Amino acid sequence: MEAKRWTIEIDITEEGDQTSARAVLFSRDEKHLIGVGQSRRNPTDPMVHVIGDEIAVARALADLASKLLTTASGDVAQATGAREPVHLSLI
């Protein structure tokens, strides 16, 4: 069995109460997809940087997952000769 490795690189930036994350998926065919996510701290909440990071990264990964499913849907349609993209869900 051939082992495959895809890599996700995540960059997180903070500016004031706003945290942004960018998740880049590198696959075996050199293509990559990018997901982005953001979080914003409520000014009345305590400053806990890791929480903003977690939320922004989770949203970036969810965005990336959605884009990957859209890509797979188009690939399935092309491989099967379907006229429209097929519907795929996360579950």
PDB file of N, CA and C in Angstrom:
ATOM      1  N   MET A   1       0.837  -1.167   0.000  1.00  0.00           N
ATOM      2  CA  MET A   1       0.000   0.000   0.000  1.00  0.00           C
ATOM      3  C   MET A   1       0.894   1.247   0.000  1.00  0.00           C
ATOM      4  N   GLU A   2       0.554   2.188  -0.838  1.00  0.00           N
ATOM      5  CA  GLU A   2       1.308   3.440  -0.918  1.00  0.00           C
ATOM      6  C   GLU A   2       0.845   4.401   0.171  1.00  0.00           C
ATOM      7  N   ALA A   3       1.784   4.892   0.929  1.00  0.00           N
ATOM      8  CA  ALA A   3       1.461   5.902   1.946  1.00  0.00           C
ATOM      9  C   ALA A   3       1.473   7.276   1.289  1.00  0.00           C
ATOM     10  N   LYS A   4       0.517   8.097   1.670  1.00  0.00           N
ATOM     11  CA  LYS A   4       0.424   9.455   1.134  1.00  0.00           C
ATOM     12  C   LYS A   4       0.502  10.433   2.291  1.00  0.00           C
ATOM     13  N   ARG A   5       1.061  11.583   2.022  1.00  0.00           N
ATOM     14  CA  ARG A   5       1.148  12.606   3.058  1.00  0.00           C
ATOM     15  C   ARG A   5       0.723  13.951   2.482  1.00  0.00           C
ATOM     16  N   TRP A   6      -0.257  14.543   3.122  1.00  0.00           N
ATOM     17  CA  TRP A   6      -0.667  15.901   2.827  1.00  0.00           C
ATOM     18  C   TRP A   6      -0.322  16.723   4.057  1.00  0.00           C
ATOM     19  N   THR A   7       0.028  17.956   3.847  1.00  0.00           N
ATOM     20  CA  THR A   7       0.450  18.810   4.942  1.00  0.00           C
ATOM     21  C   THR A   7      -0.432  20.051   5.012  1.00  0.00           C
ATOM     22  N   ILE A   8      -0.773  20.440   6.246  1.00  0.00           N
ATOM     23  CA  ILE A   8      -1.505  21.685   6.461  1.00  0.00           C
ATOM     24  C   ILE A   8      -0.597  22.616   7.254  1.00  0.00           C
ATOM     25  N   GLU A   9      -0.422  23.799   6.721  1.00  0.00           N
ATOM     26  CA  GLU A   9       0.372  24.823   7.394  1.00  0.00           C
ATOM     27  C   GLU A   9      -0.590  25.908   7.873  1.00  0.00           C
ATOM     28  N   ILE A  10      -0.497  26.276   9.145  1.00  0.00           N
ATOM     29  CA  ILE A  10      -1.417  27.251   9.722  1.00  0.00           C
ATOM     30  C   ILE A  10      -0.628  28.441  10.236  1.00  0.00           C
ATOM     31  N   ASP A  11      -1.033  29.620   9.803  1.00  0.00           N
ATOM     32  CA  ASP A  11      -0.448  30.871  10.278  1.00  0.00           C
ATOM     33  C   ASP A  11      -1.511  31.633  11.059  1.00  0.00           C
ATOM     34  N   ILE A  12      -1.133  32.160  12.210  1.00  0.00           N
ATOM     35  CA  ILE A  12      -2.051  32.897  13.073  1.00  0.00           C
ATOM     36  C   ILE A  12      -1.481  34.290  13.306  1.00  0.00           C
ATOM     37  N   THR A  13      -2.321  35.295  13.153  1.00  0.00           N
ATOM     38  CA  THR A  13      -1.910  36.664  13.442  1.00  0.00           C
ATOM     39  C   THR A  13      -2.929  37.309  14.370  1.00  0.00           C
ATOM     40  N   GLU A  14      -2.421  38.161  15.241  1.00  0.00           N
ATOM     41  CA  GLU A  14      -3.279  38.887  16.173  1.00  0.00           C
ATOM     42  C   GLU A  14      -3.082  40.380  15.981  1.00  0.00           C
ATOM     43  N   GLU A  15      -4.184  41.094  16.026  1.00  0.00           N
ATOM     44  CA  GLU A  15      -4.124  42.549  15.986  1.00  0.00           C
ATOM     45  C   GLU A  15      -5.231  43.069  16.897  1.00  0.00           C
ATOM     46  N   GLY A  16      -4.842  43.558  18.041  1.00  0.00           N
ATOM     47  CA  GLY A  16      -5.826  44.012  19.015  1.00  0.00           C
ATOM     48  C   GLY A  16      -6.681  42.849  19.495  1.00  0.00           C
ATOM     49  N   ASP A  17      -7.981  43.000  19.385  1.00  0.00           N
ATOM     50  CA  ASP A  17      -8.911  41.954  19.811  1.00  0.00           C
ATOM     51  C   ASP A  17      -9.248  40.969  18.696  1.00  0.00           C
ATOM     52  N   GLN A  18      -8.629  41.124  17.543  1.00  0.00           N
ATOM     53  CA  GLN A  18      -8.929  40.290  16.374  1.00  0.00           C
ATOM     54  C   GLN A  18      -7.804  39.292  16.123  1.00  0.00           C
ATOM     55  N   THR A  19      -8.181  38.037  15.886  1.00  0.00           N
ATOM     56  CA  THR A  19      -7.223  36.989  15.531  1.00  0.00           C
ATOM     57  C   THR A  19      -7.622  36.418  14.181  1.00  0.00           C
ATOM     58  N   SER A  20      -6.653  36.241  13.306  1.00  0.00           N
ATOM     59  CA  SER A  20      -6.892  35.665  11.980  1.00  0.00           C
ATOM     60  C   SER A  20      -6.024  34.420  11.820  1.00  0.00           C
ATOM     61  N   ALA A  21      -6.571  33.438  11.125  1.00  0.00           N
ATOM     62  CA  ALA A  21      -5.821  32.214  10.839  1.00  0.00           C
ATOM     63  C   ALA A  21      -5.945  31.900   9.354  1.00  0.00           C
ATOM     64  N   ARG A  22      -4.876  31.347   8.820  1.00  0.00           N
ATOM     65  CA  ARG A  22      -4.826  30.938   7.408  1.00  0.00           C
ATOM     66  C   ARG A  22      -4.294  29.515   7.387  1.00  0.00           C
ATOM     67  N   ALA A  23      -5.080  28.588   6.854  1.00  0.00           N
ATOM     68  CA  ALA A  23      -4.691  27.185   6.771  1.00  0.00           C
ATOM     69  C   ALA A  23      -4.478  26.834   5.300  1.00  0.00           C
ATOM     70  N   VAL A  24      -3.291  26.360   4.984  1.00  0.00           N
ATOM     71  CA  VAL A  24      -2.955  26.003   3.598  1.00  0.00           C
ATOM     72  C   VAL A  24      -2.723  24.500   3.532  1.00  0.00           C
ATOM     73  N   LEU A  25      -3.466  23.831   2.654  1.00  0.00           N
ATOM     74  CA  LEU A  25      -3.329  22.392   2.440  1.00  0.00           C
ATOM     75  C   LEU A  25      -2.448  22.154   1.225  1.00  0.00           C
ATOM     76  N   PHE A  26      -1.359  21.421   1.438  1.00  0.00           N
ATOM     77  CA  PHE A  26      -0.461  21.022   0.358  1.00  0.00           C
ATOM     78  C   PHE A  26      -0.677  19.536   0.116  1.00  0.00           C
ATOM     79  N   SER A  27      -1.114  19.182  -1.091  1.00  0.00           N
ATOM     80  CA  SER A  27      -1.362  17.773  -1.411  1.00  0.00           C
ATOM     81  C   SER A  27      -0.248  17.245  -2.309  1.00  0.00           C
ATOM     82  N   ARG A  28      -0.345  15.991  -2.649  1.00  0.00           N
ATOM     83  CA  ARG A  28       0.722  15.332  -3.406  1.00  0.00           C
ATOM     84  C   ARG A  28       0.903  15.888  -4.810  1.00  0.00           C
ATOM     85  N   ASP A  29      -0.122  16.484  -5.387  1.00  0.00           N
ATOM     86  CA  ASP A  29      -0.007  16.972  -6.759  1.00  0.00           C
ATOM     87  C   ASP A  29       0.383  18.449  -6.829  1.00  0.00           C
ATOM     88  N   GLU A  30       0.940  18.959  -5.730  1.00  0.00           N
ATOM     89  CA  GLU A  30       1.465  20.321  -5.671  1.00  0.00           C
ATOM     90  C   GLU A  30       0.373  21.389  -5.665  1.00  0.00           C
ATOM     91  N   LYS A  31      -0.905  20.991  -5.761  1.00  0.00           N
ATOM     92  CA  LYS A  31      -1.982  21.965  -5.649  1.00  0.00           C
ATOM     93  C   LYS A  31      -2.168  22.286  -4.178  1.00  0.00           C
ATOM     94  N   HIS A  32      -2.721  23.433  -3.921  1.00  0.00           N
ATOM     95  CA  HIS A  32      -3.022  23.747  -2.540  1.00  0.00           C
ATOM     96  C   HIS A  32      -4.340  24.515  -2.453  1.00  0.00           C
ATOM     97  N   LEU A  33      -4.979  24.358  -1.318  1.00  0.00           N
ATOM     98  CA  LEU A  33      -6.212  25.077  -1.017  1.00  0.00           C
ATOM     99  C   LEU A  33      -5.952  25.913   0.228  1.00  0.00           C
ATOM    100  N   ILE A  34      -6.677  27.017   0.343  1.00  0.00           N
ATOM    101  CA  ILE A  34      -6.485  27.914   1.474  1.00  0.00           C
ATOM    102  C   ILE A  34      -7.821  28.147   2.169  1.00  0.00           C
ATOM    103  N   GLY A  35      -7.816  27.976   3.485  1.00  0.00           N
ATOM    104  CA  GLY A  35      -8.977  28.290   4.302  1.00  0.00           C
ATOM    105  C   GLY A  35      -8.620  29.426   5.250  1.00  0.00           C
ATOM    106  N   VAL A  36      -9.575  30.290   5.515  1.00  0.00           N
ATOM    107  CA  VAL A  36      -9.325  31.412   6.422  1.00  0.00           C
ATOM    108  C   VAL A  36     -10.379  31.440   7.519  1.00  0.00           C
ATOM    109  N   GLY A  37      -9.987  31.956   8.665  1.00  0.00           N
ATOM    110  CA  GLY A  37     -10.905  32.079   9.785  1.00  0.00           C
ATOM    111  C   GLY A  37     -10.500  33.234  10.663  1.00  0.00           C
ATOM    112  N   GLN A  38     -11.471  33.785  11.374  1.00  0.00           N
ATOM    113  CA  GLN A  38     -11.215  34.913  12.254  1.00  0.00           C
ATOM    114  C   GLN A  38     -11.975  34.754  13.554  1.00  0.00           C
ATOM    115  N   SER A  39     -11.465  35.398  14.571  1.00  0.00           N
ATOM    116  CA  SER A  39     -12.187  35.492  15.840  1.00  0.00           C
ATOM    117  C   SER A  39     -11.996  36.895  16.381  1.00  0.00           C
ATOM    118  N   ARG A  40     -12.928  37.290  17.207  1.00  0.00           N
ATOM    119  CA  ARG A  40     -12.858  38.618  17.797  1.00  0.00           C
ATOM    120  C   ARG A  40     -13.242  38.519  19.269  1.00  0.00           C
ATOM    121  N   ARG A  41     -12.387  39.022  20.121  1.00  0.00           N
ATOM    122  CA  ARG A  41     -12.647  38.979  21.554  1.00  0.00           C
ATOM    123  C   ARG A  41     -13.657  40.054  21.936  1.00  0.00           C
ATOM    124  N   ASN A  42     -14.639  39.648  22.706  1.00  0.00           N
ATOM    125  CA  ASN A  42     -15.575  40.608  23.279  1.00  0.00           C
ATOM    126  C   ASN A  42     -14.795  41.453  24.278  1.00  0.00           C
ATOM    127  N   PRO A  43     -14.884  42.760  24.199  1.00  0.00           N
ATOM    128  CA  PRO A  43     -14.102  43.614  25.101  1.00  0.00           C
ATOM    129  C   PRO A  43     -14.352  43.354  26.590  1.00  0.00           C
ATOM    130  N   THR A  44     -15.473  42.748  26.927  1.00  0.00           N
ATOM    131  CA  THR A  44     -15.757  42.463  28.337  1.00  0.00           C
ATOM    132  C   THR A  44     -15.167  41.131  28.787  1.00  0.00           C
ATOM    133  N   ASP A  45     -14.663  40.327  27.847  1.00  0.00           N
ATOM    134  CA  ASP A  45     -14.061  39.038  28.189  1.00  0.00           C
ATOM    135  C   ASP A  45     -12.590  39.229  28.551  1.00  0.00           C
ATOM    136  N   PRO A  46     -12.045  38.321  29.377  1.00  0.00           N
ATOM    137  CA  PRO A  46     -10.614  38.420  29.704  1.00  0.00           C
ATOM    138  C   PRO A  46      -9.752  38.110  28.476  1.00  0.00           C
ATOM    139  N   MET A  47      -8.535  38.650  28.473  1.00  0.00           N
ATOM    140  CA  MET A  47      -7.600  38.438  27.359  1.00  0.00           C
ATOM    141  C   MET A  47      -6.923  37.076  27.523  1.00  0.00           C
ATOM    142  N   VAL A  48      -7.413  36.081  26.746  1.00  0.00           N
ATOM    143  CA  VAL A  48      -6.822  34.743  26.743  1.00  0.00           C
ATOM    144  C   VAL A  48      -6.523  34.424  25.273  1.00  0.00           C
ATOM    145  N   HIS A  49      -5.271  34.654  24.881  1.00  0.00           N
ATOM    146  CA  HIS A  49      -4.897  34.557  23.466  1.00  0.00           C
ATOM    147  C   HIS A  49      -5.189  33.197  22.855  1.00  0.00           C
ATOM    148  N   VAL A  50      -4.971  32.138  23.607  1.00  0.00           N
ATOM    149  CA  VAL A  50      -5.129  30.790  23.050  1.00  0.00           C
ATOM    150  C   VAL A  50      -6.573  30.543  22.605  1.00  0.00           C
ATOM    151  N   ILE A  51      -7.537  31.138  23.276  1.00  0.00           N
ATOM    152  CA  ILE A  51      -8.942  30.933  22.882  1.00  0.00           C
ATOM    153  C   ILE A  51      -9.203  31.563  21.521  1.00  0.00           C
ATOM    154  N   GLY A  52      -8.722  32.766  21.313  1.00  0.00           N
ATOM    155  CA  GLY A  52      -8.871  33.398  20.001  1.00  0.00           C
ATOM    156  C   GLY A  52      -8.190  32.598  18.911  1.00  0.00           C
ATOM    157  N   ASP A  53      -7.008  32.052  19.230  1.00  0.00           N
ATOM    158  CA  ASP A  53      -6.287  31.207  18.275  1.00  0.00           C
ATOM    159  C   ASP A  53      -7.115  29.977  17.922  1.00  0.00           C
ATOM    160  N   GLU A  54      -7.643  29.319  18.945  1.00  0.00           N
ATOM    161  CA  GLU A  54      -8.423  28.092  18.718  1.00  0.00           C
ATOM    162  C   GLU A  54      -9.640  28.353  17.833  1.00  0.00           C
ATOM    163  N   ILE A  55     -10.344  29.425  18.107  1.00  0.00           N
ATOM    164  CA  ILE A  55     -11.553  29.738  17.332  1.00  0.00           C
ATOM    165  C   ILE A  55     -11.196  30.090  15.890  1.00  0.00           C
ATOM    166  N   ALA A  56     -10.187  30.942  15.712  1.00  0.00           N
ATOM    167  CA  ALA A  56      -9.793  31.329  14.354  1.00  0.00           C
ATOM    168  C   ALA A  56      -9.291  30.128  13.558  1.00  0.00           C
ATOM    169  N   VAL A  57      -8.494  29.264  14.182  1.00  0.00           N
ATOM    170  CA  VAL A  57      -7.976  28.078  13.490  1.00  0.00           C
ATOM    171  C   VAL A  57      -9.112  27.121  13.152  1.00  0.00           C
ATOM    172  N   ALA A  58     -10.027  26.908  14.089  1.00  0.00           N
ATOM    173  CA  ALA A  58     -11.166  26.023  13.815  1.00  0.00           C
ATOM    174  C   ALA A  58     -11.966  26.532  12.618  1.00  0.00           C
ATOM    175  N   ARG A  59     -12.171  27.828  12.561  1.00  0.00           N
ATOM    176  CA  ARG A  59     -12.922  28.407  11.428  1.00  0.00           C
ATOM    177  C   ARG A  59     -12.134  28.294  10.133  1.00  0.00           C
ATOM    178  N   ALA A  60     -10.824  28.454  10.181  1.00  0.00           N
ATOM    179  CA  ALA A  60     -10.002  28.298   8.978  1.00  0.00           C
ATOM    180  C   ALA A  60     -10.037  26.852   8.479  1.00  0.00           C
ATOM    181  N   LEU A  61      -9.980  25.903   9.410  1.00  0.00           N
ATOM    182  CA  LEU A  61     -10.034  24.491   9.020  1.00  0.00           C
ATOM    183  C   LEU A  61     -11.413  24.121   8.474  1.00  0.00           C
ATOM    184  N   ALA A  62     -12.475  24.683   9.045  1.00  0.00           N
ATOM    185  CA  ALA A  62     -13.823  24.432   8.526  1.00  0.00           C
ATOM    186  C   ALA A  62     -13.955  24.995   7.109  1.00  0.00           C
ATOM    187  N   ASP A  63     -13.410  26.181   6.882  1.00  0.00           N
ATOM    188  CA  ASP A  63     -13.423  26.781   5.547  1.00  0.00           C
ATOM    189  C   ASP A  63     -12.629  25.921   4.573  1.00  0.00           C
ATOM    190  N   LEU A  64     -11.478  25.435   5.020  1.00  0.00           N
ATOM    191  CA  LEU A  64     -10.649  24.559   4.190  1.00  0.00           C
ATOM    192  C   LEU A  64     -11.390  23.264   3.858  1.00  0.00           C
ATOM    193  N   ALA A  65     -12.051  22.672   4.845  1.00  0.00           N
ATOM    194  CA  ALA A  65     -12.807  21.433   4.612  1.00  0.00           C
ATOM    195  C   ALA A  65     -13.906  21.647   3.580  1.00  0.00           C
ATOM    196  N   SER A  66     -14.599  22.769   3.672  1.00  0.00           N
ATOM    197  CA  SER A  66     -15.656  23.080   2.707  1.00  0.00           C
ATOM    198  C   SER A  66     -15.087  23.210   1.294  1.00  0.00           C
ATOM    199  N   LYS A  67     -13.963  23.886   1.165  1.00  0.00           N
ATOM    200  CA  LYS A  67     -13.337  24.053  -0.150  1.00  0.00           C
ATOM    201  C   LYS A  67     -12.828  22.722  -0.699  1.00  0.00           C
ATOM    202  N   LEU A  68     -12.320  21.861   0.175  1.00  0.00           N
ATOM    203  CA  LEU A  68     -11.846  20.548  -0.271  1.00  0.00           C
ATOM    204  C   LEU A  68     -13.003  19.686  -0.756  1.00  0.00           C
ATOM    205  N   LEU A  69     -14.146  19.736  -0.065  1.00  0.00           N
ATOM    206  CA  LEU A  69     -15.321  18.990  -0.514  1.00  0.00           C
ATOM    207  C   LEU A  69     -15.834  19.516  -1.851  1.00  0.00           C
ATOM    208  N   THR A  70     -15.797  20.818  -2.042  1.00  0.00           N
ATOM    209  CA  THR A  70     -16.219  21.397  -3.325  1.00  0.00           C
ATOM    210  C   THR A  70     -15.301  20.918  -4.442  1.00  0.00           C
ATOM    211  N   THR A  71     -14.000  20.885  -4.179  1.00  0.00           N
ATOM    212  CA  THR A  71     -13.047  20.377  -5.168  1.00  0.00           C
ATOM    213  C   THR A  71     -13.316  18.906  -5.469  1.00  0.00           C
ATOM    214  N   ALA A  72     -13.525  18.103  -4.432  1.00  0.00           N
ATOM    215  CA  ALA A  72     -13.797  16.671  -4.616  1.00  0.00           C
ATOM    216  C   ALA A  72     -15.094  16.459  -5.389  1.00  0.00           C
ATOM    217  N   SER A  73     -16.097  17.277  -5.115  1.00  0.00           N
ATOM    218  CA  SER A  73     -17.378  17.171  -5.819  1.00  0.00           C
ATOM    219  C   SER A  73     -17.191  17.378  -7.318  1.00  0.00           C
ATOM    220  N   GLY A  74     -16.430  18.384  -7.673  1.00  0.00           N
ATOM    221  CA  GLY A  74     -16.147  18.622  -9.093  1.00  0.00           C
ATOM    222  C   GLY A  74     -15.342  17.496  -9.708  1.00  0.00           C
ATOM    223  N   ASP A  75     -14.397  16.950  -8.959  1.00  0.00           N
ATOM    224  CA  ASP A  75     -13.591  15.830  -9.455  1.00  0.00           C
ATOM    225  C   ASP A  75     -14.434  14.578  -9.670  1.00  0.00           C
ATOM    226  N   VAL A  76     -15.360  14.301  -8.742  1.00  0.00           N
ATOM    227  CA  VAL A  76     -16.257  13.145  -8.897  1.00  0.00           C
ATOM    228  C   VAL A  76     -17.125  13.324 -10.142  1.00  0.00           C
ATOM    229  N   ALA A  77     -17.679  14.515 -10.309  1.00  0.00           N
ATOM    230  CA  ALA A  77     -18.523  14.787 -11.477  1.00  0.00           C
ATOM    231  C   ALA A  77     -17.742  14.592 -12.768  1.00  0.00           C
ATOM    232  N   GLN A  78     -16.522  15.082 -12.788  1.00  0.00           N
ATOM    233  CA  GLN A  78     -15.693  14.931 -13.989  1.00  0.00           C
ATOM    234  C   GLN A  78     -15.365  13.462 -14.247  1.00  0.00           C
ATOM    235  N   ALA A  79     -15.030  12.724 -13.201  1.00  0.00           N
ATOM    236  CA  ALA A  79     -14.654  11.317 -13.363  1.00  0.00           C
ATOM    237  C   ALA A  79     -15.823  10.444 -13.783  1.00  0.00           C
ATOM    238  N   THR A  80     -17.033  10.821 -13.384  1.00  0.00           N
ATOM    239  CA  THR A  80     -18.210  10.005 -13.692  1.00  0.00           C
ATOM    240  C   THR A  80     -19.001  10.520 -14.882  1.00  0.00           C
ATOM    241  N   GLY A  81     -18.605  11.674 -15.407  1.00  0.00           N
ATOM    242  CA  GLY A  81     -19.322  12.237 -16.539  1.00  0.00           C
ATOM    243  C   GLY A  81     -20.631  12.931 -16.156  1.00  0.00           C
ATOM    244  N   ALA A  82     -20.797  13.216 -14.883  1.00  0.00           N
ATOM    245  CA  ALA A  82     -22.013  13.905 -14.434  1.00  0.00           C
ATOM    246  C   ALA A  82     -22.021  15.320 -14.999  1.00  0.00           C
ATOM    247  N   ARG A  83     -23.216  15.815 -15.270  1.00  0.00           N
ATOM    248  CA  ARG A  83     -23.336  17.159 -15.832  1.00  0.00           C
ATOM    249  C   ARG A  83     -23.253  18.247 -14.770  1.00  0.00           C
ATOM    250  N   GLU A  84     -23.522  17.886 -13.543  1.00  0.00           N
ATOM    251  CA  GLU A  84     -23.473  18.843 -12.444  1.00  0.00           C
ATOM    252  C   GLU A  84     -22.609  18.273 -11.328  1.00  0.00           C
ATOM    253  N   PRO A  85     -22.018  19.150 -10.499  1.00  0.00           N
ATOM    254  CA  PRO A  85     -21.241  18.643  -9.358  1.00  0.00           C
ATOM    255  C   PRO A  85     -22.125  17.806  -8.440  1.00  0.00           C
ATOM    256  N   VAL A  86     -21.568  16.787  -7.869  1.00  0.00           N
ATOM    257  CA  VAL A  86     -22.309  15.927  -6.948  1.00  0.00           C
ATOM    258  C   VAL A  86     -22.334  16.576  -5.568  1.00  0.00           C
ATOM    259  N   HIS A  87     -23.325  16.226  -4.763  1.00  0.00           N
ATOM    260  CA  HIS A  87     -23.417  16.772  -3.413  1.00  0.00           C
ATOM    261  C   HIS A  87     -22.653  15.872  -2.443  1.00  0.00           C
ATOM    262  N   LEU A  88     -21.716  16.458  -1.730  1.00  0.00           N
ATOM    263  CA  LEU A  88     -20.958  15.750  -0.707  1.00  0.00           C
ATOM    264  C   LEU A  88     -21.123  16.496   0.609  1.00  0.00           C
ATOM    265  N   SER A  89     -21.160  15.775   1.707  1.00  0.00           N
ATOM    266  CA  SER A  89     -21.270  16.428   3.012  1.00  0.00           C
ATOM    267  C   SER A  89     -20.116  15.998   3.892  1.00  0.00           C
ATOM    268  N   LEU A  90     -19.915  16.714   4.984  1.00  0.00           N
ATOM    269  CA  LEU A  90     -18.820  16.400   5.901  1.00  0.00           C
ATOM    270  C   LEU A  90     -19.054  15.106   6.667  1.00  0.00           C
ATOM    271  N   ILE A  91     -20.283  14.674   6.755  1.00  0.00           N
ATOM    272  CA  ILE A  91     -20.584  13.463   7.527  1.00  0.00           C
ATOM    273  C   ILE A  91     -21.041  12.362   6.605  1.00  0.00           C
TER     274      ILE A  91
END
